[in-house]
Amino acid sequence: MKKFYAIVLSAAMVLGLTACGSPGAPSNGSEPGGSPSSNSGAPSVSTQWKAEKPITIINPYKAGGAGDLEVKAMQPALEAALGQAVITDYLTTGGGVAAFSKVYNAEPDGYTLLYISNPAAITKEFTDDVDYKAMDFTYLRSVSAEFRCIAARPGGGMQSLDDLVERAGSGELTIAHSGIGTSGHIQTLLVENALNIDLNDVPFEGTAAAKAAFLGDHVDLWAIDCVSVAPLVESGDAVVLAVCGPERSPLLPEVPTFAELGYEGVIAANARGFVAPPNLPDHIKDALITALDSAMESDGMISYGESSGSTWHTLSGDDYRSFAQETYDSTAEIADLLQ
């Protein structure tokens, strides 16, 4: 049996998660809908650096998506904390590589930040010819984690994982995901290993194309995040077989996790957060983390979490970097399978 590693979630990530979805979702000891509080490892307040010009956030996500809406929800409070305008520059080419490269090569002066996506930034280092090192970034503050799931079409004859395993015996099942090296690709590898099956994975250029193929009945399964598929479940256009998370999704409370069904280690998420160029001075790093912590606790961010079902990932500074390092190390173990 092939050996895989759950590279998109670690124990540190589980401890740093806060669900801000539907009423009744847990929130790190707070009441449902409470603030996405920072991790205890966050640095102390710094008063040594004050922004003197606007801060630019390079965003590899397209406008209107979750990665954009999260930044917009934080923006007013972030501007208040920094005392300067915050400008978003969308740079979506190359699956995020252009954005990662631009920030990696920027001046480490606090005025250029990246809304990074992992495991994408890490896996691109193994699958593409890039000019950055993911672990050289200055890790500031994680924001969210979208746990993933396996979806099937209602008329496809699959209502459970048992059905999937039985159908997979034919060797003809296809599964869509959003590209080689993405969290959907990694999720597919984990599912195949856990269920001891082989699927014909069909990589697309992004979520929209994979969704179109799924809804058009051109593929049997879809490796997708819970937030994106929940409206399709509600409309009757998708059936979710299992969730790749440590607990059930508040958006899909009737759907069991892989662990509940006896399959351990199938945990996959797309995690987003803020990083800065390498070698950012500590006093600037501390000031930015303090501002980001404040923005995460703002009314706008709390409201967005309640309406979107996002799961906050509350790690700062060294804790955030440690999580990224674990992801990087385990990605290296399966790099040859990501090609």
Protein backbone atom coordinates (compact mmCIF):
# COMPACT_ATOMS: atom_id res chain seq x y z
CA MET A 1 0.00 0.00 0.00
CA LYS A 2 1.25 3.46 -0.82
CA LYS A 3 2.29 5.64 2.11
CA PHE A 4 0.92 9.17 2.24
CA TYR A 5 1.05 11.98 4.75
CA ALA A 6 -1.80 14.28 5.73
CA ILE A 7 0.15 17.30 4.65
CA VAL A 8 -2.50 19.98 4.91
CA LEU A 9 -3.27 19.69 8.59
CA SER A 10 -1.19 19.17 11.71
CA ALA A 11 -1.88 18.93 15.41
CA ALA A 12 -0.97 22.58 15.68
CA MET A 13 -3.62 23.40 13.10
CA VAL A 14 -6.31 21.45 14.93
CA LEU A 15 -5.56 23.34 18.12
CA GLY A 16 -5.66 26.65 16.26
CA LEU A 17 -9.02 26.22 14.58
CA THR A 18 -12.14 28.26 15.32
CA ALA A 19 -15.39 27.51 13.51
CA CYS A 20 -17.47 30.58 12.73
CA GLY A 21 -20.25 29.10 10.66
CA SER A 22 -23.82 28.31 11.55
CA PRO A 23 -25.30 28.87 15.05
CA GLY A 24 -23.91 26.39 17.52
CA ALA A 25 -20.48 26.10 15.89
CA PRO A 26 -17.59 25.94 18.39
CA SER A 27 -15.24 28.89 18.62
CA ASN A 28 -12.24 28.07 20.81
CA GLY A 29 -14.16 28.34 24.06
CA SER A 30 -16.07 31.45 23.03
CA GLU A 31 -19.78 31.63 22.36
CA PRO A 32 -20.89 30.78 18.79
CA GLY A 33 -20.04 33.67 16.49
CA GLY A 34 -17.38 34.93 18.90
CA SER A 35 -14.21 36.65 17.79
CA PRO A 36 -11.54 34.63 15.98
CA SER A 37 -9.05 35.17 18.77
CA SER A 38 -5.31 34.93 18.22
CA ASN A 39 -3.09 32.06 19.33
CA SER A 40 -1.30 32.37 22.65
CA GLY A 41 1.99 32.35 20.74
CA ALA A 42 1.31 35.79 19.25
CA PRO A 43 4.06 38.35 19.84
CA SER A 44 3.65 41.24 22.24
CA VAL A 45 2.52 44.68 21.10
CA SER A 46 5.18 46.68 19.33
CA THR A 47 5.21 50.47 19.30
CA GLN A 48 8.48 50.80 17.39
CA TRP A 49 7.10 50.82 13.87
CA LYS A 50 4.40 53.02 12.43
CA ALA A 51 3.29 52.77 8.82
CA GLU A 52 3.97 56.00 6.92
CA LYS A 53 2.36 55.06 3.59
CA PRO A 54 -0.31 52.67 2.28
CA ILE A 55 0.21 48.93 2.66
CA THR A 56 -0.32 46.71 -0.38
CA ILE A 57 -1.69 43.19 -0.04
CA ILE A 58 -0.87 40.98 -3.02
CA ASN A 59 -3.78 38.58 -3.41
CA PRO A 60 -3.51 35.47 -5.64
CA TYR A 61 -7.28 34.97 -5.42
CA LYS A 62 -9.73 36.40 -7.91
CA ALA A 63 -12.04 39.21 -6.79
CA GLY A 64 -15.25 37.90 -5.26
CA GLY A 65 -13.90 34.58 -4.01
CA ALA A 66 -13.45 33.56 -0.37
CA GLY A 67 -9.79 34.59 -0.41
CA ASP A 68 -10.81 38.07 -1.52
CA LEU A 69 -13.84 38.45 0.76
CA GLU A 70 -11.79 37.57 3.85
CA VAL A 71 -9.30 40.34 3.10
CA LYS A 72 -12.11 42.81 2.44
CA ALA A 73 -13.78 41.90 5.73
CA MET A 74 -10.54 42.64 7.59
CA GLN A 75 -9.60 45.76 5.63
CA PRO A 76 -11.42 48.52 7.60
CA ALA A 77 -10.10 47.33 10.96
CA LEU A 78 -6.64 46.74 9.52
CA GLU A 79 -6.54 50.29 8.16
CA ALA A 80 -7.61 51.62 11.56
CA ALA A 81 -4.93 49.62 13.34
CA LEU A 82 -2.16 50.65 10.93
CA GLY A 83 -3.30 54.24 10.41
CA GLN A 84 -2.88 53.88 6.65
CA ALA A 85 -4.86 52.77 3.62
CA VAL A 86 -4.67 49.09 2.71
CA ILE A 87 -4.70 48.37 -1.03
CA THR A 88 -5.38 44.97 -2.58
CA ASP A 89 -3.45 44.08 -5.74
CA TYR A 90 -4.87 41.00 -7.47
CA LEU A 91 -2.23 38.86 -9.15
CA THR A 92 -3.79 35.54 -10.08
CA THR A 93 -1.59 34.28 -12.91
CA GLY A 94 0.29 31.01 -12.68
CA GLY A 95 -1.89 29.55 -9.97
CA GLY A 96 -0.55 32.11 -7.51
CA VAL A 97 3.12 31.78 -8.50
CA ALA A 98 3.31 35.36 -9.80
CA ALA A 99 1.96 36.70 -6.49
CA PHE A 100 4.26 34.50 -4.39
CA SER A 101 7.27 35.58 -6.44
CA LYS A 102 6.44 39.29 -6.32
CA VAL A 103 6.24 39.40 -2.54
CA TYR A 104 9.25 37.12 -2.09
CA ASN A 105 11.36 39.60 -4.07
CA ALA A 106 9.85 42.76 -2.52
CA GLU A 107 11.61 44.98 0.00
CA PRO A 108 11.13 43.74 3.59
CA ASP A 109 9.82 47.09 4.80
CA GLY A 110 6.31 46.17 5.94
CA TYR A 111 4.53 47.77 2.99
CA THR A 112 4.06 44.64 0.87
CA LEU A 113 2.19 41.62 2.22
CA LEU A 114 0.95 38.41 0.63
CA TYR A 115 -2.32 36.66 1.33
CA ILE A 116 -0.76 33.24 0.94
CA SER A 117 -2.51 29.98 0.19
CA ASN A 118 -1.12 26.72 1.48
CA PRO A 119 -0.55 24.03 0.45
CA ALA A 120 -0.54 25.80 -2.97
CA ALA A 121 2.53 27.97 -2.33
CA ILE A 122 4.44 25.00 -0.94
CA THR A 123 3.48 22.46 -3.58
CA LYS A 124 4.25 24.89 -6.41
CA GLU A 125 7.84 24.88 -5.19
CA PHE A 126 7.95 21.14 -5.92
CA THR A 127 5.90 21.08 -9.12
CA ASP A 128 6.88 24.32 -10.89
CA ASP A 129 10.05 26.20 -11.74
CA VAL A 130 9.71 29.03 -9.20
CA ASP A 131 12.09 31.66 -7.88
CA TYR A 132 10.93 31.64 -4.25
CA LYS A 133 11.31 29.43 -1.17
CA ALA A 134 8.05 29.04 0.69
CA MET A 135 9.70 28.72 4.08
CA ASP A 136 11.74 31.90 3.61
CA PHE A 137 8.67 34.12 3.84
CA THR A 138 8.06 35.92 7.14
CA TYR A 139 4.94 34.25 8.54
CA LEU A 140 2.61 36.73 10.25
CA ARG A 141 -0.95 35.51 10.86
CA SER A 142 -3.08 32.63 9.61
CA VAL A 143 -6.72 33.45 8.93
CA SER A 144 -8.86 30.58 7.67
CA ALA A 145 -8.98 26.91 6.76
CA GLU A 146 -11.53 25.46 4.35
CA PHE A 147 -11.93 21.77 5.05
CA ARG A 148 -12.62 19.60 2.08
CA CYS A 149 -15.03 16.79 1.20
CA ILE A 150 -15.90 14.28 -1.49
CA ALA A 151 -19.03 15.08 -3.49
CA ALA A 152 -21.03 12.94 -5.92
CA ARG A 153 -23.95 13.66 -8.21
CA PRO A 154 -27.39 12.64 -6.81
CA GLY A 155 -28.13 10.41 -9.78
CA GLY A 156 -24.75 8.72 -9.84
CA GLY A 157 -25.62 5.81 -7.57
CA MET A 158 -23.31 6.84 -4.73
CA GLN A 159 -24.78 7.89 -1.40
CA SER A 160 -21.98 6.72 0.91
CA LEU A 161 -18.30 5.83 1.04
CA ASP A 162 -19.25 2.17 0.85
CA ASP A 163 -20.94 2.89 -2.47
CA LEU A 164 -17.81 4.73 -3.66
CA VAL A 165 -15.53 1.82 -2.74
CA GLU A 166 -17.79 -0.65 -4.50
CA ARG A 167 -17.98 1.47 -7.65
CA ALA A 168 -14.23 2.11 -7.63
CA GLY A 169 -13.62 -1.58 -8.18
CA SER A 170 -14.46 -1.07 -11.84
CA GLY A 171 -11.45 1.22 -12.26
CA GLU A 172 -13.58 3.71 -14.14
CA LEU A 173 -14.54 6.31 -11.51
CA THR A 174 -13.33 9.83 -12.25
CA ILE A 175 -12.76 12.64 -9.76
CA ALA A 176 -12.35 16.34 -10.54
CA HIS A 177 -10.06 18.68 -8.64
CA SER A 178 -8.65 22.14 -9.23
CA GLY A 179 -5.17 21.23 -10.45
CA ILE A 180 -1.95 19.34 -9.89
CA GLY A 181 -0.40 20.18 -6.54
CA THR A 182 -3.52 21.84 -5.13
CA SER A 183 -5.25 20.87 -1.91
CA GLY A 184 -7.83 19.02 -4.03
CA HIS A 185 -5.10 16.93 -5.64
CA ILE A 186 -3.56 16.13 -2.27
CA GLN A 187 -7.00 15.30 -0.90
CA THR A 188 -7.54 12.84 -3.75
CA LEU A 189 -4.27 11.07 -2.94
CA LEU A 190 -5.23 10.78 0.71
CA VAL A 191 -8.67 9.39 -0.11
CA GLU A 192 -7.26 6.81 -2.52
CA ASN A 193 -4.77 5.65 0.07
CA ALA A 194 -7.26 5.49 2.95
CA LEU A 195 -9.90 3.59 0.95
CA ASN A 196 -7.29 1.46 -0.88
CA ILE A 197 -8.78 2.37 -4.25
CA ASP A 198 -7.61 3.92 -7.50
CA LEU A 199 -9.50 6.85 -9.00
CA ASN A 200 -8.95 8.50 -12.36
CA ASP A 201 -8.20 12.03 -11.27
CA VAL A 202 -9.05 14.82 -13.70
CA PRO A 203 -7.22 18.07 -12.91
CA PHE A 204 -8.79 21.35 -14.00
CA GLU A 205 -7.52 24.91 -14.06
CA GLY A 206 -9.30 26.12 -10.96
CA THR A 207 -12.49 25.42 -9.05
CA ALA A 208 -14.90 26.94 -11.59
CA ALA A 209 -13.85 24.54 -14.36
CA ALA A 210 -14.00 21.52 -12.04
CA LYS A 211 -17.46 22.58 -10.87
CA ALA A 212 -18.71 22.89 -14.45
CA ALA A 213 -17.47 19.39 -15.28
CA PHE A 214 -19.10 17.99 -12.14
CA LEU A 215 -22.47 19.64 -12.76
CA GLY A 216 -22.31 18.62 -16.40
CA ASP A 217 -21.92 14.96 -15.39
CA HIS A 218 -18.53 14.75 -17.10
CA VAL A 219 -16.94 13.34 -13.91
CA ASP A 220 -18.28 11.11 -11.14
CA LEU A 221 -16.79 12.81 -8.08
CA TRP A 222 -15.48 16.20 -7.00
CA ALA A 223 -12.77 16.93 -4.44
CA ILE A 224 -13.96 20.30 -3.11
CA ASP A 225 -14.22 22.39 0.05
CA CYS A 226 -17.34 22.30 2.20
CA VAL A 227 -18.08 26.01 1.81
CA SER A 228 -18.23 25.78 -1.99
CA VAL A 229 -20.32 22.62 -2.19
CA ALA A 230 -22.87 23.42 0.55
CA PRO A 231 -25.17 25.47 -1.75
CA LEU A 232 -25.19 22.59 -4.25
CA VAL A 233 -26.22 20.17 -1.53
CA GLU A 234 -29.04 22.51 -0.53
CA SER A 235 -30.23 22.79 -4.14
CA GLY A 236 -30.10 19.03 -4.66
CA ASP A 237 -27.24 19.13 -7.16
CA ALA A 238 -24.67 17.30 -5.03
CA VAL A 239 -24.39 14.61 -2.38
CA VAL A 240 -21.45 14.79 0.01
CA LEU A 241 -20.14 11.37 1.02
CA ALA A 242 -17.66 12.35 3.75
CA VAL A 243 -15.81 15.36 5.17
CA CYS A 244 -12.01 15.55 5.27
CA GLY A 245 -11.84 17.34 8.62
CA PRO A 246 -11.28 16.68 12.32
CA GLU A 247 -15.00 17.21 12.95
CA ARG A 248 -18.21 17.62 11.00
CA SER A 249 -18.71 20.80 9.03
CA PRO A 250 -21.31 23.20 10.50
CA LEU A 251 -22.47 23.68 6.91
CA LEU A 252 -22.98 19.92 6.42
CA PRO A 253 -23.89 18.67 9.89
CA GLU A 254 -25.43 15.41 8.63
CA VAL A 255 -22.30 14.34 6.78
CA PRO A 256 -19.80 12.18 8.73
CA THR A 257 -16.04 12.63 8.69
CA PHE A 258 -13.73 10.01 7.25
CA ALA A 259 -12.55 9.29 10.80
CA GLU A 260 -16.12 8.59 11.94
CA LEU A 261 -16.37 6.03 9.17
CA GLY A 262 -13.15 4.33 10.25
CA TYR A 263 -10.65 6.02 7.93
CA GLU A 264 -7.99 7.92 9.87
CA GLY A 265 -5.65 10.54 8.44
CA VAL A 266 -7.91 11.86 5.69
CA ILE A 267 -7.78 15.51 6.68
CA ALA A 268 -7.37 18.18 4.04
CA ALA A 269 -7.88 21.93 4.00
CA ASN A 270 -6.95 25.00 2.06
CA ALA A 271 -5.36 27.35 4.60
CA ARG A 272 -4.90 31.09 4.04
CA GLY A 273 -3.01 33.77 5.91
CA PHE A 274 -0.62 36.71 5.75
CA VAL A 275 3.12 36.59 5.12
CA ALA A 276 5.72 39.23 4.30
CA PRO A 277 8.98 39.13 2.33
CA PRO A 278 11.96 37.28 3.84
CA ASN A 279 14.08 39.02 6.46
CA LEU A 280 11.39 41.36 7.74
CA PRO A 281 12.77 43.12 10.83
CA ASP A 282 11.27 41.87 14.08
CA HIS A 283 9.85 45.21 15.18
CA ILE A 284 7.92 45.54 11.90
CA LYS A 285 6.81 41.91 12.11
CA ASP A 286 5.48 42.44 15.65
CA ALA A 287 3.58 45.57 14.67
CA LEU A 288 1.95 43.88 11.68
CA ILE A 289 0.93 40.83 13.72
CA THR A 290 -0.64 43.09 16.33
CA ALA A 291 -2.61 44.92 13.63
CA LEU A 292 -3.72 41.64 12.02
CA ASP A 293 -4.80 40.23 15.39
CA SER A 294 -6.91 43.33 15.94
CA ALA A 295 -8.50 43.03 12.49
CA MET A 296 -9.34 39.36 13.08
CA GLU A 297 -11.30 40.35 16.20
CA SER A 298 -13.22 43.13 14.43
CA ASP A 299 -17.00 43.20 14.02
CA GLY A 300 -16.62 42.97 10.25
CA MET A 301 -14.61 39.77 10.44
CA ILE A 302 -16.93 38.20 13.01
CA SER A 303 -19.94 39.03 10.84
CA TYR A 304 -18.27 37.58 7.75
CA GLY A 305 -17.42 34.38 9.61
CA GLU A 306 -21.01 33.93 10.77
CA SER A 307 -22.41 34.38 7.26
CA SER A 308 -19.80 32.41 5.32
CA GLY A 309 -19.25 29.37 7.53
CA SER A 310 -15.50 29.95 7.42
CA THR A 311 -13.29 28.15 9.90
CA TRP A 312 -10.72 30.44 11.44
CA HIS A 313 -7.16 29.24 11.77
CA THR A 314 -5.68 31.24 14.64
CA LEU A 315 -1.90 30.93 14.58
CA SER A 316 0.54 33.85 14.71
CA GLY A 317 4.25 34.36 14.18
CA ASP A 318 6.42 31.39 15.06
CA ASP A 319 3.40 29.12 15.61
CA TYR A 320 2.16 29.88 12.10
CA ARG A 321 5.60 29.25 10.65
CA SER A 322 5.87 25.92 12.49
CA PHE A 323 2.59 24.80 10.94
CA ALA A 324 3.87 25.77 7.49
CA GLN A 325 7.14 23.92 8.12
CA GLU A 326 5.28 20.71 8.98
CA THR A 327 3.29 21.07 5.78
CA TYR A 328 6.47 21.68 3.81
CA ASP A 329 8.33 18.71 5.27
CA SER A 330 5.52 16.26 4.62
CA THR A 331 4.98 17.64 1.11
CA ALA A 332 8.58 16.79 0.32
CA GLU A 333 7.80 13.16 1.19
CA ILE A 334 5.23 12.87 -1.63
CA ALA A 335 6.69 15.37 -4.09
CA ASP A 336 7.17 12.71 -6.78
CA LEU A 337 3.43 11.94 -6.70
CA LEU A 338 2.50 15.57 -7.33
CA GLN A 339 4.14 15.81 -10.74
